[in-house]
Amino acid sequence: MIHSALIAKELNVCPRIGLLVYCAAFLHDLSRTRNGKEPNHGANAAMHKFNLFKNIWDKYNIAENEADYIRAAVWNHCSHGHRHNFEQNDKVNKLLRDADALDRQRFIGSARCNPSKLSYKEIIKYLPMATKMALPSVLFHPTKVLYQWSAWSS
């Protein structure tokens, strides 16, 4: 979630869009059952987890069209095929996907963020910081833990 706030600030997006992206970031991986490829976890979170947090959406006066933007971004963040409601919600979708890409720096090898696939090239400079944020926690391979860093220095 921190990456969504960082990107919104870096790109100077309007506060309301920043809130929608932050809400989507909160929700986007709640249906994950493992690390690694799990292509339906976004759709599952959008369909099965969104309504569990109605009190939060109400607290921030999330309108129905904004709720649709959040659900669509969560659905699309890991979708490689059909994009659900993508054009209507392009900015929230792109911001969440880029925030999720920064989060992928905790992985090792090909599962890491591919900078050429970022929608907003301005955030490439945050890749080293995103990597350090994973330390000293475990850095993950998509299917298994490879090693644990013992210090923040690198």
Protein backbone atom coordinates (compact mmCIF):
# COMPACT_ATOMS: atom_id res chain seq x y z
CA MET A 1 0.00 0.00 0.00
CA ILE A 2 2.90 2.34 0.66
CA HIS A 3 3.86 2.22 -3.01
CA SER A 4 0.41 3.45 -4.09
CA ALA A 5 0.74 6.50 -1.82
CA LEU A 6 4.30 7.14 -3.00
CA ILE A 7 3.35 6.98 -6.68
CA ALA A 8 0.29 9.20 -6.21
CA LYS A 9 2.46 11.82 -4.51
CA GLU A 10 5.27 11.55 -7.07
CA LEU A 11 2.85 11.97 -9.99
CA ASN A 12 0.85 14.68 -8.19
CA VAL A 13 -2.47 12.95 -8.84
CA CYS A 14 -5.58 14.52 -7.40
CA PRO A 15 -6.23 13.41 -3.80
CA ARG A 16 -9.46 11.60 -4.68
CA ILE A 17 -7.75 9.40 -7.29
CA GLY A 18 -4.98 8.79 -4.74
CA LEU A 19 -7.60 7.60 -2.24
CA LEU A 20 -9.15 5.23 -4.80
CA VAL A 21 -5.74 3.77 -5.63
CA TYR A 22 -4.97 3.36 -1.93
CA CYS A 23 -8.29 1.56 -1.39
CA ALA A 24 -7.53 -0.72 -4.35
CA ALA A 25 -4.04 -1.39 -2.96
CA PHE A 26 -5.59 -2.35 0.39
CA LEU A 27 -7.85 -4.88 -1.32
CA HIS A 28 -5.87 -6.18 -4.28
CA ASP A 29 -4.08 -9.22 -2.83
CA LEU A 30 -6.61 -10.33 -0.22
CA SER A 31 -7.55 -13.43 -2.22
CA ARG A 32 -3.97 -14.64 -2.65
CA THR A 33 -3.33 -18.13 -1.35
CA ARG A 34 0.40 -18.24 -2.18
CA ASN A 35 3.29 -16.24 -3.62
CA GLY A 36 3.95 -16.59 -7.31
CA LYS A 37 1.59 -16.81 -10.25
CA GLU A 38 -2.03 -16.82 -9.29
CA PRO A 39 -3.85 -15.17 -12.20
CA ASN A 40 -7.33 -15.07 -10.66
CA HIS A 41 -6.53 -13.56 -7.28
CA GLY A 42 -7.42 -10.03 -8.39
CA ALA A 43 -10.79 -11.05 -9.82
CA ASN A 44 -11.49 -13.13 -6.71
CA ALA A 45 -10.67 -10.20 -4.41
CA ALA A 46 -12.86 -7.85 -6.45
CA MET A 47 -15.78 -10.27 -6.40
CA HIS A 48 -15.51 -11.76 -2.91
CA LYS A 49 -13.68 -9.31 -0.64
CA PHE A 50 -14.86 -5.85 -1.71
CA ASN A 51 -18.19 -5.90 0.13
CA LEU A 52 -16.56 -7.05 3.36
CA PHE A 53 -15.21 -3.51 3.76
CA LYS A 54 -18.39 -1.53 3.11
CA ASN A 55 -17.86 0.39 6.37
CA ILE A 56 -14.53 1.71 5.05
CA TRP A 57 -16.00 2.67 1.68
CA ASP A 58 -18.85 4.45 3.49
CA LYS A 59 -16.43 6.26 5.82
CA TYR A 60 -14.66 7.77 2.81
CA ASN A 61 -17.89 8.45 0.89
CA ILE A 62 -16.87 6.18 -1.99
CA ALA A 63 -19.52 6.72 -4.66
CA GLU A 64 -20.81 3.78 -6.69
CA ASN A 65 -18.81 4.76 -9.79
CA GLU A 66 -15.68 5.07 -7.61
CA ALA A 67 -16.39 1.64 -6.10
CA ASP A 68 -16.53 0.33 -9.67
CA TYR A 69 -13.12 1.92 -10.35
CA ILE A 70 -11.64 0.23 -7.26
CA ARG A 71 -13.13 -3.17 -8.16
CA ALA A 72 -11.94 -2.87 -11.77
CA ALA A 73 -8.39 -1.92 -10.74
CA VAL A 74 -8.23 -4.85 -8.30
CA TRP A 75 -9.59 -7.19 -10.98
CA ASN A 76 -7.14 -5.90 -13.61
CA HIS A 77 -3.94 -5.64 -11.61
CA CYS A 78 -2.98 -9.25 -12.34
CA SER A 79 -5.05 -9.86 -15.45
CA HIS A 80 -3.20 -10.77 -18.61
CA GLY A 81 -6.26 -11.28 -20.74
CA HIS A 82 -9.59 -9.47 -20.66
CA ARG A 83 -9.42 -6.11 -18.90
CA HIS A 84 -12.53 -5.51 -16.81
CA ASN A 85 -13.83 -1.93 -17.25
CA PHE A 86 -10.28 -0.78 -18.10
CA GLU A 87 -10.76 2.24 -20.35
CA GLN A 88 -13.30 3.83 -18.03
CA ASN A 89 -10.85 3.65 -15.15
CA ASP A 90 -7.47 3.94 -16.84
CA LYS A 91 -5.62 6.07 -14.26
CA VAL A 92 -6.59 4.03 -11.17
CA ASN A 93 -5.76 0.82 -13.06
CA LYS A 94 -2.32 2.02 -14.14
CA LEU A 95 -1.43 3.44 -10.75
CA LEU A 96 -2.34 0.21 -8.94
CA ARG A 97 -0.48 -1.94 -11.47
CA ASP A 98 2.65 0.19 -11.07
CA ALA A 99 2.38 0.14 -7.26
CA ASP A 100 2.03 -3.63 -7.39
CA ALA A 101 5.07 -3.79 -9.69
CA LEU A 102 7.16 -1.89 -7.13
CA ASP A 103 5.98 -4.32 -4.48
CA ARG A 104 7.28 -7.18 -6.64
CA GLN A 105 10.84 -6.05 -5.85
CA ARG A 106 10.64 -8.36 -2.83
CA PHE A 107 10.91 -11.28 -5.24
CA ILE A 108 14.07 -12.62 -6.83
CA GLY A 109 14.73 -13.13 -10.52
CA SER A 110 12.13 -12.89 -13.26
CA ALA A 111 9.25 -12.33 -10.83
CA ARG A 112 10.62 -8.87 -10.03
CA CYS A 113 9.30 -5.66 -11.52
CA ASN A 114 10.03 -5.24 -15.22
CA PRO A 115 10.68 -1.49 -15.60
CA SER A 116 9.76 -1.55 -19.29
CA LYS A 117 6.18 -2.53 -18.34
CA LEU A 118 5.58 0.40 -15.99
CA SER A 119 2.92 2.86 -17.11
CA TYR A 120 4.67 5.78 -15.42
CA LYS A 121 8.40 5.81 -16.12
CA GLU A 122 8.90 8.51 -13.46
CA ILE A 123 8.72 5.85 -10.77
CA ILE A 124 11.66 3.76 -12.04
CA LYS A 125 13.85 5.74 -9.65
CA TYR A 126 11.96 4.11 -6.74
CA LEU A 127 12.96 0.54 -7.65
CA PRO A 128 16.09 0.52 -5.42
CA MET A 129 14.07 1.88 -2.49
CA ALA A 130 11.36 -0.75 -3.06
CA THR A 131 14.03 -3.43 -2.95
CA LYS A 132 15.44 -2.09 0.31
CA MET A 133 11.96 -1.94 1.84
CA ALA A 134 11.87 -5.73 1.57
CA LEU A 135 14.94 -5.95 3.80
CA PRO A 136 15.61 -7.45 6.28
CA SER A 137 12.51 -9.45 5.57
CA VAL A 138 12.66 -12.51 3.41
CA LEU A 139 13.10 -12.01 -0.32
CA PHE A 140 10.89 -14.47 -2.15
CA HIS A 141 11.26 -16.65 -5.18
CA PRO A 142 7.80 -17.14 -6.72
CA THR A 143 7.64 -20.69 -5.36
CA LYS A 144 10.00 -20.82 -2.39
CA VAL A 145 12.08 -18.75 -0.01
CA LEU A 146 15.65 -18.60 -1.30
CA TYR A 147 17.41 -16.70 1.42
CA GLN A 148 17.03 -14.02 4.06
CA TRP A 149 19.11 -10.87 4.17
CA SER A 150 20.67 -10.20 7.50
CA ALA A 151 21.14 -6.45 7.24
CA TRP A 152 19.71 -3.39 5.53
CA SER A 153 22.99 -2.52 3.84
CA SER A 154 23.53 -3.28 0.20
